[in-house]
Structures are given as C-alpha cells and as structure tokens.
Amino acid sequence: MSNNQESQIATDGLRYKSKEGGSPFKDSANMSSISCYKCGVHKPRALGVFKMMINQRMFMCGDCMPPKSE
C-alpha cells in the first residue's frame, strides 16, 4: 500500500473530487441486505435466519450458522 496521496480540504469543505457520493448499500431502502450480528458482513436476507437473542431478533448469515447435529 504505497499509495500516499495527500488530500486537502477545499474552501467549500469537500476533500475528495473523484469519490462518488452516497452509500455503498444503494439498495438498502428496501432492506434486501442486512448485516450479520456475528461476522458483520452484509448478506441478502434470503441467505440467513433470524435468531432470538435477549428478546431481540438478530440476523445470522448462513456462513456463521452452526451445522445441524442429527
């Protein structure tokens, strides 16, 4: 990581000229993705389950779910 760019704050208060505005989760208005409480990664709702934790529903992705014991 040898990308040492110096940034300066302009008179209008902006620092970056090439950076896009907005959220990286552009589709979050309809809640199609949600972050896992265990790993923190945003995943689609269809790829996980909600667990009750201390009287609150928490989303857990399929990668963090323990394997089912038979």
N, C-alpha and C. Protein backbone atom coordinates (compact mmCIF):
# COMPACT_ATOMS: atom_id res chain seq x y z
N MET A 1 0.83 -1.17 0.00
CA MET A 1 0.00 0.00 0.00
C MET A 1 0.88 1.24 0.00
N SER A 2 1.47 1.48 -1.13
CA SER A 2 2.35 2.63 -1.25
C SER A 2 1.66 3.80 -1.93
N ASN A 3 0.35 3.88 -1.84
CA ASN A 3 -0.42 4.95 -2.45
C ASN A 3 -0.54 6.09 -1.44
N ASN A 4 0.45 6.94 -1.39
CA ASN A 4 0.47 8.04 -0.43
C ASN A 4 0.01 9.33 -1.10
N GLN A 5 -1.28 9.52 -1.19
CA GLN A 5 -1.82 10.74 -1.75
C GLN A 5 -2.19 11.67 -0.62
N GLU A 6 -1.80 12.91 -0.77
CA GLU A 6 -2.18 13.90 0.22
C GLU A 6 -3.47 14.55 -0.23
N SER A 7 -4.36 14.76 0.68
CA SER A 7 -5.63 15.40 0.35
C SER A 7 -5.70 16.74 1.06
N GLN A 8 -6.37 17.66 0.43
CA GLN A 8 -6.56 18.98 1.01
C GLN A 8 -8.05 19.28 1.03
N ILE A 9 -8.48 19.94 2.08
CA ILE A 9 -9.88 20.34 2.17
C ILE A 9 -10.05 21.63 1.39
N ALA A 10 -10.98 21.64 0.44
CA ALA A 10 -11.23 22.82 -0.38
C ALA A 10 -11.99 23.86 0.43
N THR A 11 -12.15 25.04 -0.16
CA THR A 11 -12.84 26.12 0.55
C THR A 11 -14.31 25.81 0.76
N ASP A 12 -14.89 24.94 -0.09
CA ASP A 12 -16.30 24.59 0.10
C ASP A 12 -16.49 23.46 1.10
N GLY A 13 -15.41 22.95 1.69
CA GLY A 13 -15.49 21.93 2.71
C GLY A 13 -15.33 20.52 2.21
N LEU A 14 -15.20 20.34 0.88
CA LEU A 14 -15.06 19.00 0.32
C LEU A 14 -13.59 18.61 0.25
N ARG A 15 -13.33 17.34 0.42
CA ARG A 15 -11.97 16.84 0.36
C ARG A 15 -11.70 16.05 -0.92
N TYR A 16 -12.67 15.24 -1.34
CA TYR A 16 -12.46 14.37 -2.49
C TYR A 16 -13.23 14.89 -3.69
N LYS A 17 -12.62 14.84 -4.85
CA LYS A 17 -13.29 15.27 -6.07
C LYS A 17 -13.73 14.08 -6.91
N SER A 18 -13.05 12.94 -6.79
CA SER A 18 -13.37 11.80 -7.64
C SER A 18 -14.22 10.75 -6.93
N LYS A 19 -14.46 10.91 -5.66
CA LYS A 19 -15.22 9.92 -4.90
C LYS A 19 -16.73 10.10 -5.15
N GLU A 20 -17.41 8.99 -5.38
CA GLU A 20 -18.86 9.03 -5.58
C GLU A 20 -19.56 9.31 -4.26
N GLY A 21 -20.63 10.04 -4.33
CA GLY A 21 -21.43 10.28 -3.16
C GLY A 21 -22.41 9.16 -2.91
N GLY A 22 -22.97 9.13 -1.74
CA GLY A 22 -23.98 8.12 -1.44
C GLY A 22 -23.44 6.95 -0.65
N SER A 23 -24.30 6.03 -0.40
CA SER A 23 -23.99 4.86 0.41
C SER A 23 -23.51 3.70 -0.46
N PRO A 24 -22.58 2.87 0.05
CA PRO A 24 -22.21 1.69 -0.71
C PRO A 24 -23.35 0.67 -0.78
N PHE A 25 -24.35 0.82 0.07
CA PHE A 25 -25.52 -0.06 0.08
C PHE A 25 -26.67 0.70 -0.56
N LYS A 26 -26.60 0.89 -1.88
CA LYS A 26 -27.58 1.70 -2.59
C LYS A 26 -28.98 1.10 -2.52
N ASP A 27 -29.08 -0.19 -2.34
CA ASP A 27 -30.38 -0.84 -2.34
C ASP A 27 -30.89 -1.10 -0.92
N SER A 28 -30.38 -0.35 0.05
CA SER A 28 -30.75 -0.62 1.44
C SER A 28 -32.11 -0.06 1.80
N ALA A 29 -32.73 0.72 0.92
CA ALA A 29 -34.05 1.28 1.23
C ALA A 29 -35.10 0.19 1.35
N ASN A 30 -34.96 -0.88 0.58
CA ASN A 30 -35.94 -1.96 0.69
C ASN A 30 -35.42 -3.10 1.56
N MET A 31 -34.30 -2.89 2.22
CA MET A 31 -33.74 -3.84 3.19
C MET A 31 -33.47 -5.21 2.57
N SER A 32 -32.92 -5.24 1.35
CA SER A 32 -32.64 -6.51 0.70
C SER A 32 -31.38 -7.16 1.27
N SER A 33 -30.50 -6.37 1.88
CA SER A 33 -29.33 -6.94 2.54
C SER A 33 -29.30 -6.44 3.97
N ILE A 34 -28.70 -7.23 4.82
CA ILE A 34 -28.64 -6.91 6.25
C ILE A 34 -27.34 -7.48 6.80
N SER A 35 -26.80 -6.85 7.83
CA SER A 35 -25.52 -7.31 8.35
C SER A 35 -25.71 -8.40 9.41
N CYS A 36 -24.83 -9.37 9.37
CA CYS A 36 -24.85 -10.48 10.32
C CYS A 36 -24.33 -9.98 11.67
N TYR A 37 -24.98 -10.37 12.74
CA TYR A 37 -24.55 -9.90 14.06
C TYR A 37 -23.25 -10.58 14.49
N LYS A 38 -22.91 -11.69 13.89
CA LYS A 38 -21.72 -12.43 14.30
C LYS A 38 -20.47 -12.00 13.54
N CYS A 39 -20.56 -11.92 12.19
CA CYS A 39 -19.38 -11.56 11.40
C CYS A 39 -19.42 -10.13 10.89
N GLY A 40 -20.59 -9.49 10.86
CA GLY A 40 -20.71 -8.10 10.44
C GLY A 40 -20.78 -7.88 8.95
N VAL A 41 -20.75 -8.94 8.14
CA VAL A 41 -20.78 -8.82 6.69
C VAL A 41 -22.22 -8.67 6.22
N HIS A 42 -22.46 -7.78 5.24
CA HIS A 42 -23.80 -7.62 4.68
C HIS A 42 -24.08 -8.77 3.73
N LYS A 43 -25.20 -9.44 3.96
CA LYS A 43 -25.63 -10.58 3.14
C LYS A 43 -27.11 -10.38 2.81
N PRO A 44 -27.59 -11.01 1.71
CA PRO A 44 -29.03 -10.96 1.42
C PRO A 44 -29.83 -11.67 2.52
N ARG A 45 -31.02 -11.15 2.77
CA ARG A 45 -31.87 -11.73 3.82
C ARG A 45 -32.18 -13.20 3.56
N ALA A 46 -32.25 -13.59 2.30
CA ALA A 46 -32.60 -14.96 1.95
C ALA A 46 -31.50 -15.95 2.32
N LEU A 47 -30.29 -15.47 2.58
CA LEU A 47 -29.17 -16.37 2.89
C LEU A 47 -28.89 -16.49 4.38
N GLY A 48 -29.88 -16.21 5.20
CA GLY A 48 -29.67 -16.32 6.64
C GLY A 48 -30.97 -16.53 7.38
N VAL A 49 -30.88 -16.52 8.70
CA VAL A 49 -32.05 -16.70 9.56
C VAL A 49 -32.00 -15.66 10.67
N PHE A 50 -33.15 -15.45 11.31
CA PHE A 50 -33.23 -14.57 12.46
C PHE A 50 -33.29 -15.43 13.72
N LYS A 51 -32.46 -15.12 14.68
CA LYS A 51 -32.42 -15.83 15.96
C LYS A 51 -32.86 -14.88 17.07
N MET A 52 -33.53 -15.42 18.08
CA MET A 52 -33.91 -14.61 19.24
C MET A 52 -32.72 -14.54 20.20
N MET A 53 -32.25 -13.35 20.43
CA MET A 53 -31.13 -13.13 21.35
C MET A 53 -31.53 -12.01 22.30
N ILE A 54 -31.72 -12.33 23.57
CA ILE A 54 -32.06 -11.35 24.60
C ILE A 54 -33.27 -10.51 24.17
N ASN A 55 -34.36 -11.21 23.87
CA ASN A 55 -35.64 -10.61 23.48
C ASN A 55 -35.54 -9.71 22.25
N GLN A 56 -34.61 -10.02 21.34
CA GLN A 56 -34.47 -9.25 20.12
C GLN A 56 -34.11 -10.19 18.98
N ARG A 57 -34.75 -9.97 17.83
CA ARG A 57 -34.44 -10.81 16.66
C ARG A 57 -33.15 -10.32 16.03
N MET A 58 -32.17 -11.20 15.87
CA MET A 58 -30.88 -10.85 15.29
C MET A 58 -30.67 -11.70 14.05
N PHE A 59 -30.12 -11.11 12.98
CA PHE A 59 -29.88 -11.82 11.74
C PHE A 59 -28.52 -12.52 11.81
N MET A 60 -28.50 -13.79 11.40
CA MET A 60 -27.25 -14.55 11.32
C MET A 60 -27.17 -15.15 9.92
N CYS A 61 -26.05 -14.90 9.23
CA CYS A 61 -25.90 -15.40 7.86
C CYS A 61 -25.66 -16.91 7.87
N GLY A 62 -25.81 -17.52 6.71
CA GLY A 62 -25.65 -18.96 6.58
C GLY A 62 -24.24 -19.43 6.85
N ASP A 63 -23.23 -18.57 6.63
CA ASP A 63 -21.84 -18.95 6.89
C ASP A 63 -21.54 -19.06 8.38
N CYS A 64 -22.25 -18.30 9.20
CA CYS A 64 -22.00 -18.29 10.65
C CYS A 64 -22.86 -19.27 11.43
N MET A 65 -23.87 -19.85 10.77
CA MET A 65 -24.75 -20.78 11.47
C MET A 65 -24.01 -22.06 11.80
N PRO A 66 -24.20 -22.58 13.00
CA PRO A 66 -23.56 -23.87 13.32
C PRO A 66 -24.20 -24.99 12.52
N PRO A 67 -23.43 -26.02 12.20
CA PRO A 67 -24.02 -27.15 11.45
C PRO A 67 -25.06 -27.87 12.30
N LYS A 68 -26.09 -28.38 11.63
CA LYS A 68 -27.14 -29.09 12.34
C LYS A 68 -26.62 -30.45 12.78
N SER A 69 -26.84 -30.76 14.05
CA SER A 69 -26.44 -32.07 14.54
C SER A 69 -27.67 -33.01 14.47
N GLU A 70 -27.44 -34.18 13.96
CA GLU A 70 -28.56 -35.11 13.78
C GLU A 70 -28.55 -36.19 14.82
